[in-house]
Amino acid sequence: MTDSYSPMMPARRPGGHPERKPEYRVLVHRKYADMWEHAGEYGVDLPALQKCWDHLAFDPAGIEGVVKTKFLRGKAGLPKERGFSRTLHYDLSSKARIDYQYCDDHRTSAAGDPHKVVYIWAVDFSSH
């Protein structure tokens, strides 16, 4: 985000740290931070959550393998900030999904250093 207020918070990897350093910093909108933190209580198993976080932290574009993502259509799919991807929809399970965008060259200020980041914009635990 470019102003002093940022609604994004770190999204910790469920079950502990990954084996290697993440390429992308994974952030979740504060509105959904508690849902992400307690996703297991909504019926999503730990391996599925870890697979999702690993996908976001290492390969959010889905280049390295087959993942359960698709781009959203229409206005919902448009980038929310300059330099970000279109919105991707990731199915955690039949009852859970997230919407996210990623950026390979994000700066928190004009003079800031570039870094890779993933923004989880929505977490949904209702049925499709």
N, C-alpha and C. Protein backbone atom coordinates (compact mmCIF):
# COMPACT_ATOMS: atom_id res chain seq x y z
N MET A 1 0.84 -1.16 0.00
CA MET A 1 0.00 0.00 0.00
C MET A 1 0.90 1.24 0.00
N THR A 2 0.45 2.28 -0.58
CA THR A 2 1.28 3.46 -0.74
C THR A 2 1.05 4.52 0.33
N ASP A 3 0.00 4.44 1.12
CA ASP A 3 -0.22 5.44 2.16
C ASP A 3 0.19 4.87 3.52
N SER A 4 0.00 5.65 4.58
CA SER A 4 0.44 5.23 5.90
C SER A 4 -0.44 4.13 6.50
N TYR A 5 -1.66 3.99 6.02
CA TYR A 5 -2.56 2.96 6.51
C TYR A 5 -2.50 1.74 5.60
N SER A 6 -2.25 0.59 6.18
CA SER A 6 -2.25 -0.63 5.40
C SER A 6 -3.12 -1.67 6.09
N PRO A 7 -4.15 -2.15 5.40
CA PRO A 7 -5.03 -3.13 6.02
C PRO A 7 -4.46 -4.55 5.98
N MET A 8 -3.27 -4.71 5.43
CA MET A 8 -2.70 -6.04 5.28
C MET A 8 -1.85 -6.43 6.49
N MET A 9 -1.97 -7.71 6.88
CA MET A 9 -1.22 -8.25 8.01
C MET A 9 -0.52 -9.53 7.57
N PRO A 10 0.59 -9.91 8.22
CA PRO A 10 1.26 -11.15 7.85
C PRO A 10 0.34 -12.36 8.02
N ALA A 11 0.37 -13.24 7.05
CA ALA A 11 -0.39 -14.49 7.11
C ALA A 11 0.61 -15.59 7.43
N ARG A 12 0.59 -16.06 8.64
CA ARG A 12 1.55 -17.08 9.06
C ARG A 12 1.23 -18.42 8.40
N ARG A 13 2.28 -19.22 8.22
CA ARG A 13 2.10 -20.56 7.64
C ARG A 13 1.49 -21.47 8.70
N PRO A 14 0.37 -22.09 8.40
CA PRO A 14 -0.23 -23.02 9.37
C PRO A 14 0.72 -24.18 9.67
N GLY A 15 0.84 -24.52 10.93
CA GLY A 15 1.67 -25.66 11.31
C GLY A 15 3.15 -25.35 11.46
N GLY A 16 3.56 -24.12 11.30
CA GLY A 16 4.96 -23.77 11.51
C GLY A 16 5.67 -23.28 10.27
N HIS A 17 6.95 -22.99 10.45
CA HIS A 17 7.76 -22.40 9.39
C HIS A 17 8.00 -23.37 8.23
N PRO A 18 8.18 -22.84 7.01
CA PRO A 18 8.50 -23.70 5.87
C PRO A 18 9.97 -24.15 5.95
N GLU A 19 10.32 -25.14 5.15
CA GLU A 19 11.69 -25.67 5.15
C GLU A 19 12.69 -24.70 4.53
N ARG A 20 12.23 -23.86 3.61
CA ARG A 20 13.13 -22.89 2.98
C ARG A 20 12.51 -21.50 3.05
N LYS A 21 13.31 -20.47 2.83
CA LYS A 21 12.85 -19.10 2.91
C LYS A 21 11.85 -18.82 1.78
N PRO A 22 10.70 -18.23 2.11
CA PRO A 22 9.70 -17.91 1.07
C PRO A 22 10.21 -16.85 0.10
N GLU A 23 9.77 -16.96 -1.14
CA GLU A 23 10.12 -15.96 -2.16
C GLU A 23 9.19 -14.74 -2.06
N TYR A 24 7.95 -14.97 -1.64
CA TYR A 24 6.96 -13.91 -1.53
C TYR A 24 6.56 -13.76 -0.06
N ARG A 25 6.31 -12.53 0.34
CA ARG A 25 5.76 -12.28 1.66
C ARG A 25 4.24 -12.41 1.52
N VAL A 26 3.64 -13.25 2.34
CA VAL A 26 2.20 -13.50 2.27
C VAL A 26 1.49 -12.65 3.32
N LEU A 27 0.58 -11.79 2.85
CA LEU A 27 -0.18 -10.90 3.73
C LEU A 27 -1.67 -11.15 3.52
N VAL A 28 -2.42 -11.00 4.57
CA VAL A 28 -3.87 -11.19 4.50
C VAL A 28 -4.56 -9.90 4.96
N HIS A 29 -5.67 -9.57 4.32
CA HIS A 29 -6.44 -8.40 4.73
C HIS A 29 -6.89 -8.60 6.17
N ARG A 30 -6.79 -7.56 6.97
CA ARG A 30 -7.09 -7.67 8.40
C ARG A 30 -8.51 -8.16 8.67
N LYS A 31 -9.42 -7.90 7.75
CA LYS A 31 -10.80 -8.36 7.88
C LYS A 31 -10.87 -9.89 7.91
N TYR A 32 -9.90 -10.55 7.25
CA TYR A 32 -9.90 -12.01 7.15
C TYR A 32 -8.76 -12.66 7.92
N ALA A 33 -7.97 -11.88 8.65
CA ALA A 33 -6.81 -12.42 9.35
C ALA A 33 -7.19 -13.50 10.36
N ASP A 34 -8.25 -13.27 11.12
CA ASP A 34 -8.67 -14.26 12.11
C ASP A 34 -9.17 -15.54 11.44
N MET A 35 -9.88 -15.38 10.34
CA MET A 35 -10.37 -16.56 9.61
C MET A 35 -9.19 -17.39 9.09
N TRP A 36 -8.16 -16.71 8.57
CA TRP A 36 -6.98 -17.42 8.06
C TRP A 36 -6.29 -18.14 9.22
N GLU A 37 -6.14 -17.46 10.34
CA GLU A 37 -5.44 -18.02 11.49
C GLU A 37 -6.15 -19.25 12.05
N HIS A 38 -7.48 -19.29 11.95
CA HIS A 38 -8.27 -20.38 12.53
C HIS A 38 -8.98 -21.19 11.45
N ALA A 39 -8.41 -21.29 10.28
CA ALA A 39 -9.04 -21.99 9.16
C ALA A 39 -9.31 -23.46 9.47
N GLY A 40 -8.47 -24.07 10.28
CA GLY A 40 -8.67 -25.46 10.66
C GLY A 40 -9.99 -25.68 11.38
N GLU A 41 -10.45 -24.67 12.11
CA GLU A 41 -11.71 -24.77 12.83
C GLU A 41 -12.91 -24.71 11.88
N TYR A 42 -12.68 -24.30 10.65
CA TYR A 42 -13.75 -24.23 9.64
C TYR A 42 -13.77 -25.48 8.77
N GLY A 43 -13.00 -26.50 9.14
CA GLY A 43 -13.03 -27.76 8.43
C GLY A 43 -11.97 -27.93 7.35
N VAL A 44 -11.00 -27.03 7.26
CA VAL A 44 -9.91 -27.18 6.29
C VAL A 44 -8.75 -27.88 6.99
N ASP A 45 -8.28 -28.98 6.41
CA ASP A 45 -7.22 -29.73 7.09
C ASP A 45 -5.85 -29.06 6.94
N LEU A 46 -4.96 -29.33 7.86
CA LEU A 46 -3.65 -28.70 7.92
C LEU A 46 -2.84 -28.88 6.63
N PRO A 47 -2.76 -30.09 6.06
CA PRO A 47 -1.99 -30.23 4.82
C PRO A 47 -2.50 -29.35 3.68
N ALA A 48 -3.80 -29.17 3.58
CA ALA A 48 -4.36 -28.30 2.53
C ALA A 48 -3.98 -26.85 2.78
N LEU A 49 -4.01 -26.42 4.03
CA LEU A 49 -3.63 -25.05 4.37
C LEU A 49 -2.15 -24.81 4.09
N GLN A 50 -1.32 -25.78 4.45
CA GLN A 50 0.12 -25.65 4.20
C GLN A 50 0.42 -25.63 2.70
N LYS A 51 -0.27 -26.47 1.94
CA LYS A 51 -0.08 -26.48 0.49
C LYS A 51 -0.47 -25.14 -0.12
N CYS A 52 -1.55 -24.55 0.36
CA CYS A 52 -1.99 -23.24 -0.11
C CYS A 52 -0.95 -22.18 0.22
N TRP A 53 -0.50 -22.13 1.48
CA TRP A 53 0.48 -21.12 1.89
C TRP A 53 1.78 -21.29 1.09
N ASP A 54 2.21 -22.53 0.90
CA ASP A 54 3.43 -22.78 0.12
C ASP A 54 3.26 -22.31 -1.32
N HIS A 55 2.10 -22.55 -1.88
CA HIS A 55 1.81 -22.06 -3.24
C HIS A 55 1.93 -20.54 -3.29
N LEU A 56 1.33 -19.86 -2.33
CA LEU A 56 1.36 -18.40 -2.30
C LEU A 56 2.77 -17.87 -2.07
N ALA A 57 3.52 -18.50 -1.20
CA ALA A 57 4.84 -18.01 -0.82
C ALA A 57 5.92 -18.33 -1.85
N PHE A 58 5.72 -19.37 -2.65
CA PHE A 58 6.77 -19.79 -3.58
C PHE A 58 6.40 -19.68 -5.05
N ASP A 59 5.12 -19.82 -5.38
CA ASP A 59 4.72 -19.83 -6.80
C ASP A 59 3.27 -19.37 -6.98
N PRO A 60 2.96 -18.11 -6.63
CA PRO A 60 1.57 -17.67 -6.71
C PRO A 60 1.00 -17.64 -8.12
N ALA A 61 1.86 -17.59 -9.13
CA ALA A 61 1.38 -17.60 -10.52
C ALA A 61 1.02 -19.00 -10.98
N GLY A 62 1.43 -20.02 -10.23
CA GLY A 62 1.09 -21.40 -10.57
C GLY A 62 1.90 -21.96 -11.71
N ILE A 63 3.11 -21.46 -11.90
CA ILE A 63 3.96 -21.88 -13.02
C ILE A 63 4.55 -23.27 -12.79
N GLU A 64 4.89 -23.60 -11.56
CA GLU A 64 5.63 -24.83 -11.26
C GLU A 64 4.79 -26.10 -11.23
N GLY A 65 3.49 -26.00 -11.23
CA GLY A 65 2.70 -27.22 -11.17
C GLY A 65 1.22 -26.93 -11.26
N VAL A 66 0.46 -27.99 -11.19
CA VAL A 66 -0.98 -27.88 -11.27
C VAL A 66 -1.51 -27.51 -9.88
N VAL A 67 -2.18 -26.39 -9.81
CA VAL A 67 -2.82 -25.97 -8.56
C VAL A 67 -4.26 -25.61 -8.86
N LYS A 68 -5.03 -25.46 -7.81
CA LYS A 68 -6.46 -25.20 -7.95
C LYS A 68 -6.74 -23.70 -8.01
N THR A 69 -6.24 -23.02 -9.04
CA THR A 69 -6.48 -21.59 -9.16
C THR A 69 -7.12 -21.26 -10.50
N LYS A 70 -7.81 -20.11 -10.51
CA LYS A 70 -8.33 -19.56 -11.75
C LYS A 70 -8.46 -18.06 -11.56
N PHE A 71 -8.38 -17.31 -12.65
CA PHE A 71 -8.54 -15.86 -12.59
C PHE A 71 -10.03 -15.53 -12.51
N LEU A 72 -10.35 -14.55 -11.67
CA LEU A 72 -11.73 -14.08 -11.60
C LEU A 72 -12.01 -13.19 -12.81
N ARG A 73 -13.25 -13.18 -13.25
CA ARG A 73 -13.64 -12.38 -14.41
C ARG A 73 -14.25 -11.06 -13.96
N GLY A 74 -14.33 -10.14 -14.89
CA GLY A 74 -14.99 -8.86 -14.64
C GLY A 74 -14.25 -7.98 -13.66
N LYS A 75 -14.99 -7.07 -13.02
CA LYS A 75 -14.38 -6.11 -12.09
C LYS A 75 -13.72 -6.80 -10.90
N ALA A 76 -14.27 -7.93 -10.47
CA ALA A 76 -13.71 -8.65 -9.33
C ALA A 76 -12.29 -9.12 -9.60
N GLY A 77 -11.95 -9.30 -10.86
CA GLY A 77 -10.63 -9.80 -11.22
C GLY A 77 -9.58 -8.73 -11.46
N LEU A 78 -9.98 -7.46 -11.46
CA LEU A 78 -9.03 -6.39 -11.75
C LEU A 78 -8.03 -6.20 -10.61
N PRO A 79 -6.79 -5.83 -10.94
CA PRO A 79 -5.80 -5.57 -9.88
C PRO A 79 -6.26 -4.43 -8.98
N LYS A 80 -6.07 -4.59 -7.67
CA LYS A 80 -6.48 -3.56 -6.72
C LYS A 80 -5.43 -2.47 -6.58
N GLU A 81 -4.19 -2.79 -6.95
CA GLU A 81 -3.11 -1.82 -6.88
C GLU A 81 -2.25 -1.96 -8.13
N ARG A 82 -1.55 -0.89 -8.45
CA ARG A 82 -0.68 -0.88 -9.63
C ARG A 82 0.44 -1.92 -9.48
N GLY A 83 0.66 -2.67 -10.54
CA GLY A 83 1.72 -3.67 -10.55
C GLY A 83 1.30 -5.05 -10.08
N PHE A 84 0.08 -5.17 -9.55
CA PHE A 84 -0.39 -6.46 -9.05
C PHE A 84 -1.03 -7.27 -10.18
N SER A 85 -1.10 -8.57 -9.97
CA SER A 85 -1.75 -9.46 -10.92
C SER A 85 -3.26 -9.27 -10.86
N ARG A 86 -3.95 -9.90 -11.78
CA ARG A 86 -5.40 -9.99 -11.65
C ARG A 86 -5.70 -10.89 -10.45
N THR A 87 -6.92 -10.87 -9.96
CA THR A 87 -7.29 -11.67 -8.79
C THR A 87 -7.37 -13.14 -9.17
N LEU A 88 -6.70 -13.96 -8.37
CA LEU A 88 -6.77 -15.41 -8.53
C LEU A 88 -7.63 -16.00 -7.42
N HIS A 89 -8.34 -17.06 -7.76
CA HIS A 89 -9.25 -17.76 -6.86
C HIS A 89 -8.63 -19.12 -6.60
N TYR A 90 -8.34 -19.46 -5.34
CA TYR A 90 -7.72 -20.73 -4.96
C TYR A 90 -8.70 -21.53 -4.12
N ASP A 91 -9.00 -22.76 -4.55
CA ASP A 91 -9.90 -23.63 -3.80
C ASP A 91 -9.11 -24.42 -2.77
N LEU A 92 -9.34 -24.14 -1.48
CA LEU A 92 -8.71 -24.90 -0.40
C LEU A 92 -9.37 -26.25 -0.25
N SER A 93 -10.69 -26.26 -0.37
CA SER A 93 -11.48 -27.49 -0.25
C SER A 93 -12.82 -27.21 -0.93
N SER A 94 -13.74 -28.15 -0.80
CA SER A 94 -15.07 -27.93 -1.40
C SER A 94 -15.84 -26.84 -0.67
N LYS A 95 -15.40 -26.49 0.56
CA LYS A 95 -16.10 -25.48 1.35
C LYS A 95 -15.29 -24.21 1.56
N ALA A 96 -14.06 -24.18 1.13
CA ALA A 96 -13.20 -23.03 1.45
C ALA A 96 -12.40 -22.57 0.25
N ARG A 97 -12.25 -21.23 0.15
CA ARG A 97 -11.46 -20.67 -0.95
C ARG A 97 -10.91 -19.31 -0.54
N ILE A 98 -9.88 -18.89 -1.24
CA ILE A 98 -9.31 -17.57 -1.02
C ILE A 98 -9.17 -16.86 -2.36
N ASP A 99 -9.17 -15.55 -2.32
CA ASP A 99 -8.89 -14.72 -3.49
C ASP A 99 -7.64 -13.92 -3.17
N TYR A 100 -6.70 -13.90 -4.12
CA TYR A 100 -5.44 -13.21 -3.86
C TYR A 100 -4.89 -12.57 -5.12
N GLN A 101 -3.94 -11.67 -4.92
CA GLN A 101 -3.18 -11.04 -5.99
C GLN A 101 -1.72 -11.03 -5.56
N TYR A 102 -0.83 -11.00 -6.54
CA TYR A 102 0.59 -10.96 -6.21
C TYR A 102 1.29 -9.88 -7.04
N CYS A 103 2.44 -9.46 -6.54
CA CYS A 103 3.25 -8.45 -7.22
C CYS A 103 4.72 -8.83 -7.06
N ASP A 104 5.47 -8.81 -8.15
CA ASP A 104 6.89 -9.16 -8.12
C ASP A 104 7.78 -7.97 -7.81
N ASP A 105 7.22 -6.77 -7.78
CA ASP A 105 8.04 -5.56 -7.61
C ASP A 105 7.29 -4.54 -6.74
N HIS A 106 6.88 -4.95 -5.55
CA HIS A 106 6.09 -4.08 -4.67
C HIS A 106 7.00 -3.19 -3.83
N ARG A 107 6.61 -1.94 -3.69
CA ARG A 107 7.34 -0.98 -2.84
C ARG A 107 6.32 -0.32 -1.91
N THR A 108 6.68 -0.21 -0.64
CA THR A 108 5.78 0.43 0.31
C THR A 108 5.85 1.95 0.22
N SER A 109 6.93 2.46 -0.42
CA SER A 109 7.05 3.90 -0.67
C SER A 109 7.87 4.08 -1.94
N ALA A 110 7.87 5.28 -2.48
CA ALA A 110 8.59 5.55 -3.72
C ALA A 110 10.09 5.27 -3.57
N ALA A 111 10.63 5.50 -2.39
CA ALA A 111 12.06 5.27 -2.16
C ALA A 111 12.34 3.88 -1.59
N GLY A 112 11.30 3.09 -1.36
CA GLY A 112 11.47 1.77 -0.75
C GLY A 112 12.08 0.75 -1.68
N ASP A 113 12.60 -0.30 -1.08
CA ASP A 113 13.17 -1.41 -1.85
C ASP A 113 12.05 -2.28 -2.42
N PRO A 114 12.24 -2.81 -3.63
CA PRO A 114 11.23 -3.70 -4.20
C PRO A 114 11.28 -5.08 -3.54
N HIS A 115 10.14 -5.68 -3.39
CA HIS A 115 10.08 -7.05 -2.88
C HIS A 115 8.81 -7.73 -3.41
N LYS A 116 8.82 -9.04 -3.35
CA LYS A 116 7.69 -9.83 -3.84
C LYS A 116 6.68 -10.00 -2.71
N VAL A 117 5.40 -9.82 -3.05
CA VAL A 117 4.36 -9.88 -2.05
C VAL A 117 3.09 -10.51 -2.63
N VAL A 118 2.35 -11.20 -1.76
CA VAL A 118 1.04 -11.75 -2.09
C VAL A 118 0.04 -11.16 -1.11
N TYR A 119 -1.07 -10.64 -1.64
CA TYR A 119 -2.15 -10.12 -0.81
C TYR A 119 -3.32 -11.08 -0.89
N ILE A 120 -3.72 -11.62 0.25
CA ILE A 120 -4.96 -12.41 0.33
C ILE A 120 -6.07 -11.40 0.60
N TRP A 121 -6.92 -11.19 -0.40
CA TRP A 121 -7.98 -10.17 -0.29
C TRP A 121 -9.26 -10.73 0.33
N ALA A 122 -9.49 -12.03 0.22
CA ALA A 122 -10.73 -12.59 0.76
C ALA A 122 -10.53 -14.05 1.13
N VAL A 123 -11.19 -14.46 2.22
CA VAL A 123 -11.23 -15.85 2.68
C VAL A 123 -12.69 -16.17 2.84
N ASP A 124 -13.14 -17.30 2.25
CA ASP A 124 -14.55 -17.64 2.27
C ASP A 124 -14.71 -19.11 2.63
N PHE A 125 -15.50 -19.38 3.67
CA PHE A 125 -15.73 -20.76 4.11
C PHE A 125 -17.15 -21.23 3.87
N SER A 126 -17.86 -20.56 2.96
CA SER A 126 -19.19 -21.02 2.60
C SER A 126 -19.07 -21.98 1.40
N SER A 127 -20.10 -22.71 1.12
CA SER A 127 -20.05 -23.62 -0.01
C SER A 127 -20.10 -22.82 -1.31
N HIS A 128 -19.63 -23.42 -2.39
CA HIS A 128 -19.58 -22.73 -3.69
C HIS A 128 -20.94 -22.44 -4.21
